[in-house]
Protein backbone atom coordinates (compact mmCIF):
# COMPACT_ATOMS: atom_id res chain seq x y z
CA MET A 1 19.17 -3.09 -12.78
CA ASN A 2 22.67 -2.95 -11.26
CA THR A 3 23.02 0.65 -12.45
CA ILE A 4 19.73 1.60 -10.83
CA ARG A 5 20.77 -0.03 -7.55
CA LYS A 6 24.13 1.79 -7.62
CA TYR A 7 22.52 5.21 -8.11
CA ARG A 8 19.86 4.49 -5.49
CA GLN A 9 22.55 3.39 -3.04
CA ALA A 10 24.59 6.50 -3.86
CA PHE A 11 21.52 8.70 -3.26
CA LEU A 12 20.77 7.03 0.07
CA SER A 13 24.43 6.92 1.07
CA GLY A 14 24.70 10.65 0.45
CA ALA A 15 21.62 11.33 2.56
CA ILE A 16 22.89 9.10 5.38
CA ILE A 17 26.37 10.68 5.27
CA CYS A 18 24.73 14.09 5.63
CA LEU A 19 22.76 12.77 8.61
CA LEU A 20 25.85 11.29 10.25
CA PHE A 21 27.86 14.45 9.64
CA PHE A 22 25.03 16.48 11.13
CA VAL A 23 24.90 14.22 14.20
CA LEU A 24 28.66 14.01 14.72
CA ALA A 25 29.03 17.73 14.35
CA LEU A 26 26.75 18.34 17.33
CA PRO A 27 28.37 19.67 20.48
CA CYS A 28 28.34 17.64 23.67
CA SER A 29 25.36 19.67 24.83
CA ALA A 30 23.24 17.52 22.51
CA GLN A 31 23.49 14.70 25.00
CA GLU A 32 22.42 17.03 27.80
CA ALA A 33 19.43 18.11 25.75
CA ALA A 34 18.45 14.56 24.88
CA GLY A 35 15.72 14.57 27.48
CA VAL A 36 13.96 17.54 25.88
CA ASP A 37 11.00 16.48 23.75
CA GLY A 38 11.49 18.02 20.33
CA LYS A 39 8.85 15.99 18.53
CA VAL A 40 5.63 17.25 17.02
CA GLU A 41 2.77 14.94 16.13
CA ILE A 42 1.63 14.41 12.57
CA ALA A 43 -1.83 13.33 11.49
CA GLN A 44 -1.49 10.47 9.01
CA ALA A 45 -4.08 8.52 7.08
CA THR A 46 -4.45 5.01 8.50
CA ASP A 47 -5.70 1.81 6.94
CA THR A 48 -9.21 0.62 7.74
CA SER A 49 -7.62 -2.49 9.22
CA SER A 50 -5.19 -0.51 11.40
CA ASP A 51 -4.42 -1.65 14.94
CA SER A 52 -6.44 1.08 16.56
CA GLU A 53 -5.51 0.09 20.09
CA THR A 54 -1.93 1.38 19.66
CA ALA A 55 -2.10 3.64 16.60
CA SER A 56 -2.22 6.97 18.41
CA GLN A 57 0.46 5.90 20.88
CA VAL A 58 2.81 4.74 18.13
CA ASN A 59 2.27 7.92 16.11
CA ASP A 60 3.18 9.99 19.15
CA ASP A 61 6.51 8.24 19.45
CA LEU A 62 7.33 7.29 15.88
CA GLY A 63 5.48 9.92 13.82
CA ASP A 64 7.24 12.24 11.37
CA ASP A 65 7.81 15.87 12.36
CA GLU A 66 5.48 17.32 9.77
CA PHE A 67 5.84 20.85 11.07
CA SER A 68 8.83 21.46 13.30
CA THR A 69 8.39 23.86 16.22
CA ASP A 70 12.12 24.13 16.92
CA SER A 71 13.51 27.61 16.93
CA GLU A 72 15.07 28.70 13.67
CA ASP A 73 17.75 30.50 15.65
CA GLY A 74 21.08 28.98 14.65
CA SER A 75 22.23 29.11 18.28
CA ALA A 76 19.43 26.77 19.45
CA LYS A 77 20.71 23.78 21.39
CA PRO A 78 20.59 20.51 19.48
CA VAL A 79 17.93 18.06 20.62
CA LEU A 80 18.47 14.31 20.26
CA THR A 81 15.52 11.95 20.63
CA VAL A 82 15.57 8.17 20.40
CA SER A 83 12.28 6.31 20.35
CA GLY A 84 11.11 2.93 19.26
CA LYS A 85 8.77 0.00 19.55
CA ILE A 86 9.13 -3.69 20.28
CA GLY A 87 6.16 -5.74 19.23
CA THR A 88 5.18 -9.35 18.79
CA LEU A 89 2.03 -10.76 17.20
CA HIS A 90 0.76 -14.31 16.92
CA GLY A 91 -2.43 -15.48 15.27
CA VAL A 92 -4.18 -18.72 14.39
CA ARG A 93 -6.57 -19.53 11.56
CA TRP A 94 -8.73 -22.48 10.63
CA ASN A 95 -7.28 -24.47 7.75
CA GLY A 96 -10.40 -25.78 6.05
CA THR A 97 -8.42 -28.07 3.74
CA GLU A 98 -6.62 -29.92 6.52
CA LYS A 99 -9.38 -29.41 9.12
CA LYS A 100 -7.07 -28.01 11.80
CA LEU A 101 -5.87 -24.82 13.44
CA GLU A 102 -2.56 -23.44 12.21
CA TYR A 103 -0.40 -20.36 12.55
CA GLY A 104 -1.81 -17.56 10.45
CA ALA A 105 0.69 -14.98 11.67
CA SER A 106 3.80 -15.04 13.81
CA ARG A 107 6.08 -12.03 13.69
CA SER A 108 8.26 -9.99 16.02
CA ILE A 109 9.48 -6.51 15.14
CA VAL A 110 11.94 -4.06 16.68
CA GLN A 111 11.76 -0.46 15.45
CA ILE A 112 14.18 2.31 16.41
CA LYS A 113 13.92 5.94 15.38
CA GLY A 114 16.61 8.54 16.02
CA GLU A 115 15.83 12.24 15.52
CA VAL A 116 18.16 15.22 15.82
CA SER A 117 17.08 18.85 15.50
CA ALA A 118 19.22 21.94 15.84
CA GLY A 119 18.05 25.34 14.74
CA SER A 120 16.91 25.05 11.14
CA SER A 121 18.13 21.48 10.66
CA TYR A 122 16.37 18.22 11.35
CA ALA A 123 17.50 14.66 10.59
CA VAL A 124 15.93 11.26 11.16
CA ILE A 125 16.87 7.61 10.78
CA PHE A 126 14.13 5.03 11.28
CA ALA A 127 14.96 1.34 10.95
CA ALA A 128 13.27 -1.97 11.72
CA ALA A 129 14.27 -5.59 12.11
CA GLU A 130 11.65 -8.31 11.74
CA TYR A 131 11.52 -12.03 12.31
CA ASN A 132 8.52 -13.58 10.58
CA TYR A 133 7.97 -17.29 11.13
CA ARG A 134 4.88 -17.60 8.93
CA ASN A 135 6.10 -15.35 6.12
CA PRO A 136 9.90 -15.85 5.94
CA ALA A 137 10.28 -13.48 2.96
CA ARG A 138 9.65 -10.57 5.37
CA THR A 139 12.39 -11.59 7.81
CA GLY A 140 15.27 -9.12 7.76
CA PHE A 141 16.33 -5.51 8.24
CA ARG A 142 14.57 -2.52 6.69
CA LEU A 143 15.56 1.13 6.50
CA ASN A 144 12.16 2.82 6.70
CA GLU A 145 13.28 6.45 6.76
CA ALA A 146 16.57 8.32 6.46
CA TYR A 147 16.33 11.97 5.44
CA TYR A 148 17.59 15.44 6.23
CA ARG A 149 15.40 18.55 6.33
CA TYR A 150 16.45 22.18 6.34
CA SER A 151 13.86 24.82 7.22
CA GLY A 152 13.86 28.49 6.29
CA GLU A 153 11.40 31.12 7.42
CA ILE A 154 8.75 30.25 4.84
CA TRP A 155 10.10 27.06 3.26
CA ASP A 156 11.79 23.73 3.92
CA ILE A 157 13.43 21.01 1.87
CA SER A 158 13.71 17.29 2.72
CA VAL A 159 16.08 14.89 0.96
CA GLY A 160 16.32 11.14 1.46
CA ARG A 161 14.08 8.18 2.19
CA GLN A 162 10.74 9.41 3.51
CA VAL A 163 7.02 8.66 3.68
CA ILE A 164 4.74 11.31 2.17
CA VAL A 165 1.01 11.08 2.91
CA TRP A 166 -1.63 12.96 0.93
CA GLY A 167 -5.41 13.07 1.08
CA GLN A 168 -8.28 12.63 3.54
CA ALA A 169 -9.20 8.97 2.97
CA ASP A 170 -8.79 6.34 5.67
CA GLY A 171 -7.72 3.04 4.12
CA PHE A 172 -8.44 3.93 0.47
CA LYS A 173 -5.95 5.34 -2.04
CA LEU A 174 -7.14 8.31 -4.10
CA THR A 175 -4.70 11.24 -4.20
CA ASP A 176 -2.30 9.36 -1.92
CA VAL A 177 -0.18 8.02 -4.80
CA LEU A 178 3.39 8.84 -3.70
CA SER A 179 3.87 6.01 -1.21
CA ALA A 180 3.80 2.43 -2.40
CA ARG A 181 2.06 -0.28 -0.37
CA ASP A 182 3.19 -3.58 1.07
CA SER A 183 0.61 -6.28 0.32
CA SER A 184 2.78 -9.22 1.35
CA GLU A 185 1.15 -9.37 4.81
CA PHE A 186 -2.49 -9.06 5.85
CA ILE A 187 -3.32 -10.32 9.34
CA ALA A 188 -3.42 -7.46 11.87
CA PHE A 189 -1.33 -5.35 9.50
CA SER A 190 -1.91 -1.62 9.95
CA GLY A 191 -2.00 1.06 7.27
CA ASP A 192 1.15 2.72 8.60
CA GLU A 193 3.02 -0.60 8.52
CA ALA A 194 1.88 -1.15 4.94
CA ARG A 195 3.33 2.14 3.66
CA LEU A 196 6.63 1.94 1.82
CA PRO A 197 8.95 4.98 1.81
CA SER A 198 10.30 6.59 -1.35
CA ASP A 199 13.75 8.04 -2.02
CA SER A 200 12.66 11.56 -2.84
CA ILE A 201 13.19 15.30 -2.65
CA ARG A 202 10.40 17.39 -1.11
CA LEU A 203 10.27 21.20 -1.25
CA ARG A 204 7.56 23.16 0.63
CA PHE A 205 6.60 26.82 0.93
CA PHE A 206 4.40 28.06 3.78
CA HIS A 207 1.92 30.93 4.14
CA ASP A 208 -0.77 31.70 6.68
CA LEU A 209 -3.46 30.72 4.19
CA PHE A 210 -1.77 28.05 2.07
CA THR A 211 1.10 25.61 1.67
CA PHE A 212 2.71 24.58 -1.61
CA GLU A 213 4.81 21.45 -1.96
CA ALA A 214 6.65 19.91 -4.89
CA VAL A 215 8.03 16.38 -4.83
CA ALA A 216 10.52 14.65 -7.14
CA VAL A 217 11.06 10.89 -6.85
CA PRO A 218 14.10 9.87 -8.93
CA PHE A 219 14.09 6.26 -7.70
CA PHE A 220 10.93 4.27 -8.22
CA THR A 221 9.51 2.08 -5.43
CA PRO A 222 6.76 -0.37 -6.51
CA ASN A 223 4.09 -2.06 -4.43
CA LYS A 224 5.07 -5.32 -2.76
CA LEU A 225 2.72 -7.99 -4.05
CA PRO A 226 2.15 -11.65 -3.21
CA ARG A 227 3.61 -14.16 -5.66
CA PHE A 228 1.56 -15.93 -8.32
CA GLY A 229 0.29 -19.37 -7.39
CA PHE A 230 2.24 -21.02 -10.22
CA GLU A 231 5.58 -19.72 -8.89
CA GLU A 232 7.67 -22.23 -6.99
CA GLY A 233 6.82 -22.39 -3.30
CA ALA A 234 4.10 -19.73 -3.52
CA LYS A 235 1.32 -22.05 -2.35
CA ASP A 236 3.29 -22.97 0.76
CA GLY A 237 2.43 -19.53 2.14
CA LEU A 238 -0.89 -17.92 2.99
CA TYR A 239 -0.80 -15.24 0.35
CA TYR A 240 -0.56 -15.78 -3.38
CA ILE A 241 -2.32 -14.58 -6.52
CA ASP A 242 -4.34 -17.42 -7.99
CA THR A 243 -4.37 -17.98 -11.74
CA PRO A 244 -6.77 -20.22 -13.69
CA ASP A 245 -5.42 -23.64 -14.64
CA THR A 246 -7.64 -23.87 -17.71
CA PHE A 247 -8.87 -21.50 -20.40
CA SER A 248 -12.15 -21.71 -22.34
CA THR A 249 -11.86 -21.41 -26.13
CA PRO A 250 -14.45 -21.83 -28.87
CA PHE A 251 -13.02 -25.36 -29.21
CA GLY A 252 -13.36 -26.38 -25.56
CA THR A 253 -11.40 -26.00 -22.34
CA VAL A 254 -7.62 -26.37 -22.54
CA PRO A 255 -4.92 -26.37 -19.83
CA VAL A 256 -2.71 -23.30 -19.33
CA HIS A 257 1.00 -23.38 -18.48
CA TYR A 258 2.50 -20.17 -17.07
CA THR A 259 5.90 -18.56 -16.93
CA LYS A 260 6.85 -15.14 -15.55
CA THR A 261 9.47 -12.57 -16.60
CA GLU A 262 10.28 -9.01 -15.52
CA SER A 263 11.17 -5.92 -17.52
CA ALA A 264 13.66 -3.45 -16.10
CA LYS A 265 12.12 -1.13 -13.54
CA PRO A 266 11.97 2.61 -14.36
CA LYS A 267 15.42 4.21 -14.51
CA MET A 268 16.66 7.33 -12.77
CA PHE A 269 16.28 11.00 -13.79
CA THR A 270 14.50 10.62 -17.14
CA ASP A 271 11.90 8.45 -15.40
CA THR A 272 11.59 10.64 -12.31
CA GLU A 273 8.13 10.93 -10.78
CA ALA A 274 6.90 14.48 -10.19
CA ALA A 275 4.05 15.75 -8.00
CA ALA A 276 2.76 19.05 -6.64
CA ARG A 277 0.13 20.05 -4.10
CA PHE A 278 -1.51 23.32 -3.03
CA SER A 279 -3.16 23.19 0.43
CA PHE A 280 -5.43 26.03 1.55
CA PHE A 281 -6.51 26.80 5.13
CA LEU A 282 -9.63 28.95 5.11
CA PRO A 283 -12.27 29.71 7.77
CA GLY A 284 -14.56 26.69 7.91
CA ILE A 285 -12.70 24.53 5.38
CA ASP A 286 -9.26 23.13 4.57
CA PHE A 287 -8.74 21.81 1.05
CA SER A 288 -5.95 20.74 -1.28
CA VAL A 289 -5.44 20.48 -5.02
CA SER A 290 -2.83 17.97 -6.19
CA GLY A 291 -1.31 16.54 -9.34
CA PHE A 292 1.02 13.64 -10.11
CA TYR A 293 2.80 12.24 -13.15
CA GLY A 294 4.69 9.04 -12.53
CA TRP A 295 4.45 5.27 -12.45
CA ASP A 296 1.60 3.05 -11.39
CA LYS A 297 2.92 1.29 -8.29
CA THR A 298 1.17 -1.92 -9.38
CA PRO A 299 2.59 -3.36 -12.62
CA ARG A 300 0.66 -4.68 -15.57
CA TYR A 301 1.40 -8.25 -16.52
CA ALA A 302 1.69 -8.15 -20.30
CA LYS A 303 0.71 -11.52 -21.71
CA SER A 304 2.35 -13.34 -24.59
CA GLY A 305 2.50 -16.97 -25.61
CA TYR A 306 1.45 -19.62 -28.04
CA ALA A 307 -1.02 -22.46 -28.43
CA LYS A 308 -0.01 -26.04 -29.16
CA LYS A 309 -2.40 -27.67 -31.61
CA GLY A 310 -3.22 -31.28 -32.23
CA LEU A 311 -5.89 -33.53 -33.64
CA PHE A 312 -9.11 -33.86 -31.68
CA ASN A 313 -8.52 -37.63 -31.82
CA PRO A 314 -4.78 -38.25 -32.21
CA ALA A 315 -5.38 -41.88 -33.25
CA ALA A 316 -7.47 -40.94 -36.29
CA PRO A 317 -6.54 -39.13 -39.51
CA HIS A 318 -7.26 -35.45 -39.97
CA ASN A 319 -10.75 -34.48 -41.08
CA ILE A 320 -11.84 -30.87 -41.08
CA LEU A 321 -15.28 -31.79 -39.72
CA LEU A 322 -14.88 -35.05 -37.81
CA ASN A 323 -11.29 -34.75 -36.54
CA PRO A 324 -10.05 -31.16 -36.82
CA TYR A 325 -6.89 -29.59 -35.42
CA ILE A 326 -7.76 -27.86 -32.12
CA PRO A 327 -5.77 -26.15 -29.31
CA LYS A 328 -4.39 -28.70 -26.85
CA GLU A 329 -2.34 -26.43 -24.54
CA LEU A 330 -1.88 -22.71 -23.98
CA HIS A 331 1.57 -21.50 -22.94
CA THR A 332 1.36 -18.01 -21.43
CA ASN A 333 4.14 -15.74 -20.21
CA LEU A 334 3.36 -12.89 -17.81
CA ASN A 335 5.88 -10.07 -18.20
CA GLU A 336 5.95 -7.59 -15.33
CA GLU A 337 5.96 -4.06 -16.75
CA TYR A 338 5.56 -0.65 -15.12
CA TYR A 339 3.83 2.17 -16.97
CA ARG A 340 3.14 5.87 -16.61
CA ILE A 341 -0.10 7.29 -15.22
CA GLY A 342 -1.34 10.78 -14.40
CA MET A 343 -3.42 11.89 -11.42
CA ALA A 344 -5.33 15.08 -10.65
CA GLY A 345 -7.23 15.36 -7.39
CA ILE A 346 -8.81 17.50 -4.72
CA ASP A 347 -9.56 16.81 -1.05
CA ALA A 348 -11.23 18.80 1.73
CA ALA A 349 -11.97 18.70 5.46
CA ILE A 350 -14.93 20.65 6.84
CA PRO A 351 -15.37 20.82 10.65
CA VAL A 352 -18.94 21.19 11.90
CA GLY A 353 -19.04 21.13 15.69
CA ASP A 354 -18.00 17.67 16.91
CA VAL A 355 -18.18 16.36 13.35
CA THR A 356 -15.62 16.60 10.54
CA ILE A 357 -16.72 15.99 6.97
CA ARG A 358 -14.03 14.61 4.64
CA LEU A 359 -14.23 14.72 0.85
CA GLU A 360 -11.75 13.50 -1.75
CA THR A 361 -11.76 12.79 -5.47
CA ALA A 362 -9.08 11.84 -7.99
CA TRP A 363 -8.93 11.25 -11.72
CA VAL A 364 -6.37 8.64 -12.77
CA GLY A 365 -5.59 8.26 -16.46
CA LYS A 366 -4.74 5.22 -18.61
CA ARG A 367 -4.62 2.29 -16.23
CA TYR A 368 -4.55 -1.26 -17.57
CA PHE A 369 -7.34 -3.69 -16.70
CA GLU A 370 -7.97 -7.38 -17.26
CA PRO A 371 -9.89 -7.82 -20.55
CA LYS A 372 -13.18 -9.69 -20.80
CA ASN A 373 -12.02 -11.35 -24.04
CA LEU A 374 -8.46 -12.41 -23.38
CA LEU A 375 -7.48 -13.22 -26.98
CA THR A 376 -7.73 -10.86 -29.95
CA ASP A 377 -10.03 -11.72 -32.89
CA LYS A 378 -6.93 -12.42 -34.99
CA SER A 379 -5.73 -15.07 -32.53
CA ILE A 380 -9.14 -16.72 -32.50
CA ASP A 381 -9.10 -16.87 -36.31
CA ASP A 382 -5.58 -18.31 -36.27
CA LEU A 383 -6.66 -21.04 -33.86
CA LYS A 384 -9.40 -22.08 -36.27
CA ARG A 385 -7.01 -22.66 -39.15
CA GLN A 386 -6.56 -26.33 -39.90
CA THR A 387 -2.81 -26.67 -39.52
CA PRO A 388 -0.79 -28.57 -36.90
CA ASP A 389 1.56 -25.61 -36.36
CA ASP A 390 1.85 -23.77 -33.05
CA VAL A 391 -0.13 -20.51 -33.06
CA PRO A 392 1.42 -17.30 -31.64
CA LEU A 393 -1.17 -15.56 -29.45
CA GLU A 394 -2.10 -11.91 -29.17
CA PHE A 395 -3.80 -10.70 -26.00
CA ASN A 396 -6.08 -7.73 -25.46
CA SER A 397 -4.84 -5.13 -22.97
CA PRO A 398 -7.37 -2.29 -22.59
CA GLN A 399 -6.53 0.98 -20.86
CA LYS A 400 -9.17 2.97 -18.98
CA HIS A 401 -9.58 6.22 -17.05
CA GLN A 402 -10.70 6.04 -13.43
CA LEU A 403 -12.66 8.49 -11.29
CA LEU A 404 -12.24 7.82 -7.57
CA MET A 405 -14.54 9.54 -5.07
CA LEU A 406 -14.86 9.41 -1.29
CA ALA A 407 -17.11 11.03 1.32
CA GLY A 408 -16.45 10.47 5.01
CA ILE A 409 -17.56 11.71 8.40
CA ASP A 410 -15.72 11.63 11.73
CA TRP A 411 -17.33 12.13 15.13
CA ILE A 412 -15.42 12.32 18.41
CA LYS A 413 -17.30 12.82 21.65
CA SER A 414 -16.06 12.04 25.12
CA SER A 415 -14.67 8.48 24.94
CA TRP A 416 -16.38 7.61 21.64
CA THR A 417 -14.87 7.75 18.15
CA LEU A 418 -16.91 7.06 15.04
CA SER A 419 -15.80 7.19 11.42
CA ALA A 420 -17.80 6.26 8.31
CA GLN A 421 -16.90 6.46 4.61
CA TYR A 422 -18.27 5.70 1.18
CA PHE A 423 -15.79 5.06 -1.62
CA GLU A 424 -16.68 4.89 -5.32
CA ASP A 425 -14.39 3.56 -8.06
CA LEU A 426 -15.78 4.44 -11.48
CA ILE A 427 -14.45 3.53 -14.95
CA LEU A 428 -15.15 6.48 -17.23
CA ASN A 429 -14.74 4.81 -20.64
CA HIS A 430 -16.14 1.40 -19.80
CA LYS A 431 -17.22 -0.45 -22.97
CA ASN A 432 -18.04 -3.83 -21.45
CA ASP A 433 -14.61 -4.98 -22.61
CA ILE A 434 -13.01 -5.53 -19.17
CA GLU A 435 -13.70 -8.04 -16.42
CA ARG A 436 -14.44 -5.59 -13.64
CA PRO A 437 -17.77 -3.72 -13.55
CA MET A 438 -18.18 -0.08 -14.44
CA HIS A 439 -18.43 0.93 -10.79
CA LYS A 440 -17.26 -0.55 -7.51
CA GLY A 441 -18.51 0.80 -4.19
CA PHE A 442 -17.32 0.28 -0.63
CA VAL A 443 -18.75 1.36 2.73
CA SER A 444 -16.46 1.43 5.77
CA LEU A 445 -17.24 1.95 9.44
CA ASN A 446 -14.91 2.32 12.42
CA VAL A 447 -16.18 2.53 16.04
CA SER A 448 -14.13 2.64 19.22
CA LYS A 449 -14.69 3.47 22.90
CA THR A 450 -12.33 3.77 25.81
CA PHE A 451 -12.93 2.84 29.45
CA LEU A 452 -11.09 2.93 32.78
CA ARG A 453 -9.38 6.27 32.21
CA GLU A 454 -8.56 5.34 28.64
CA THR A 455 -6.57 2.22 29.58
CA LEU A 456 -9.13 -0.17 28.07
CA LYS A 457 -10.25 0.23 24.46
CA LEU A 458 -12.82 -1.66 22.42
CA SER A 459 -12.64 -1.28 18.64
CA ALA A 460 -14.53 -2.59 15.65
CA SER A 461 -14.09 -1.67 12.01
CA GLY A 462 -15.16 -3.10 8.72
CA VAL A 463 -15.61 -2.66 4.98
CA ILE A 464 -18.35 -4.04 2.78
CA ASP A 465 -18.07 -4.45 -0.96
CA VAL A 466 -21.32 -2.97 -2.28
CA ASN A 467 -21.23 -4.84 -5.61
CA TYR A 468 -21.08 -8.39 -4.26
CA GLY A 469 -21.39 -8.11 -0.48
CA SER A 470 -17.97 -9.50 0.46
CA THR A 471 -16.66 -8.06 3.72
CA PHE A 472 -13.62 -7.48 5.84
CA SER A 473 -13.89 -6.66 9.53
CA THR A 474 -11.55 -6.53 12.49
CA TYR A 475 -12.36 -6.49 16.21
CA SER A 476 -10.06 -5.89 19.14
CA VAL A 477 -9.87 -5.22 22.85
CA SER A 478 -6.67 -3.64 24.12
CA TYR A 479 -5.42 -2.82 27.58
CA ALA A 480 -2.58 -0.44 28.46
CA ILE A 481 -0.81 -1.81 31.52
CA THR A 482 1.37 1.29 31.55
CA ASP A 483 1.94 4.19 29.16
CA ASN A 484 4.53 2.01 27.44
CA ILE A 485 3.11 -1.52 27.56
CA ASN A 486 -0.01 -2.58 25.70
CA PHE A 487 -1.66 -5.92 25.00
CA ALA A 488 -4.42 -6.54 22.48
CA LEU A 489 -6.65 -9.47 21.58
CA GLY A 490 -8.44 -9.31 18.27
CA GLY A 491 -9.64 -11.01 15.14
CA ASP A 492 -9.79 -10.40 11.38
CA VAL A 493 -12.76 -11.79 9.47
CA TYR A 494 -13.12 -12.02 5.68
CA THR A 495 -16.29 -13.26 3.98
CA LYS A 496 -17.22 -14.09 0.41
CA GLY A 497 -19.96 -12.23 -1.42
CA TYR A 498 -22.72 -13.31 -3.77
CA ASP A 499 -21.73 -16.38 -5.82
CA GLY A 500 -18.40 -16.42 -3.99
CA LYS A 501 -17.32 -13.15 -5.60
CA GLY A 502 -16.12 -9.81 -4.29
CA ASP A 503 -12.87 -7.98 -3.52
CA PHE A 504 -12.43 -9.80 -0.18
CA ALA A 505 -13.63 -13.23 -1.31
CA ALA A 506 -10.16 -14.58 -2.07
CA LEU A 507 -8.98 -13.70 1.46
CA HIS A 508 -11.62 -15.64 3.39
CA LYS A 509 -9.09 -18.38 4.17
CA ILE A 510 -6.90 -16.03 6.23
CA SER A 511 -9.54 -15.03 8.79
CA ALA A 512 -7.70 -15.29 12.10
CA VAL A 513 -7.67 -14.61 15.83
CA TRP A 514 -4.53 -12.86 17.09
CA LEU A 515 -2.77 -11.65 20.23
CA LYS A 516 -0.33 -8.77 20.21
CA GLY A 517 2.00 -7.21 22.73
CA THR A 518 3.71 -3.83 22.30
CA PHE A 519 6.38 -1.98 24.26
CA ILE A 520 7.05 1.63 23.30
CA PHE A 521 10.07 3.58 24.54
CA SER A 522 11.37 7.10 24.14
CA HIS A 523 14.41 8.91 25.44
């Protein structure tokens, strides 16, 4: 692990040194040109739960220069731009256990982004500092982006820490596999905030009809996940992964005791992730074909352990029929392991008047899923043997192929914006041996309207889990006092589905009402 950190730090340090050299080498005229706007907007996929009242404004000021319009003439004057955002959000939720209102979210964030472009060169450093009262693990400094890009006539190359967005989906991950996600925060947490950058190298070639890009990620960045409920202090927070306290065996229900270990994360070079994408721009349709071979950003938790056995009635002598040896406790270790997956996908956007149709599909190979029968047949047989010895346990760990499909439609007219999607998650080789069903479906809807010369905005969005009917929805009203200052009042609502099940059922306790203030600056 220390070796990986050293090489990652060396990679980032090299990129940052290049940025600093590029900045320091600028002539004094860079300061004179600082007022010139050298930024170009980028369209990025946003999470269904994104803060729609400020999303477009933030993207204008903090978005990546996807396609630079700076002159490629080496004599072009350097342009320095500094932009940023100061935001604070506070929310309350109803604590059903203690029958009282309590803080559900309380965080303040300062983001600063510096961009320098001169001729064919472009460099950016984007950093954030956060204070999070409700989720202290998030308090601290983060380097979100730090990369250098050189552009030729028909190509460019970017090296450093960057966010790469693929696909047409809004809030669902299909072909968008390069960026990891942060799932350590939920309340009023936008899709852009949830994206984690990767330390990568990106090479692109441009043509009037197509673009080709190849990406190499030598340093792996996993998803940020909540802690397990059995970990020390996890249940003091709002977010944790619950684990069952008991396990049903053919001999009755027995308690489970957990421990957790971690394997080394993927190493550099030999474990590099690789991806490529062809994007075509044709009359009436834009579409892309993409492929990826790398690591699943969410680990599998490989189980191992043993069962302690004892007499059914410890006070009586052993009898194979009346007082047999049975499992008394299960001791289970969860070992965090990352594994390789492959992805092949295609996405398309088809404009039809005021409407844009979005399509996306991806095949993902050999993902691990939770088994329906946790223990192997051998372990069950071993538990039946009439001996007092501890029994080593073997656990099933099935791998499956996934087919992910999405169809969406966007409509923008006057002050109205409407977006609807259907997402299907299908297991191709389902044999009734895993907990999750063969297919999972989700329907999402996002509606917004602006008033008073676009200073007032009402938004509502939501997702329903088709299988069980659990839902997530968010509602907000925002008002822009000036072009730079915005306030928003909103709420996030999670509901359980049939029989208390569904993908959003476990989050019902974090439904909250929140108030947010944002100040955006640019110079």
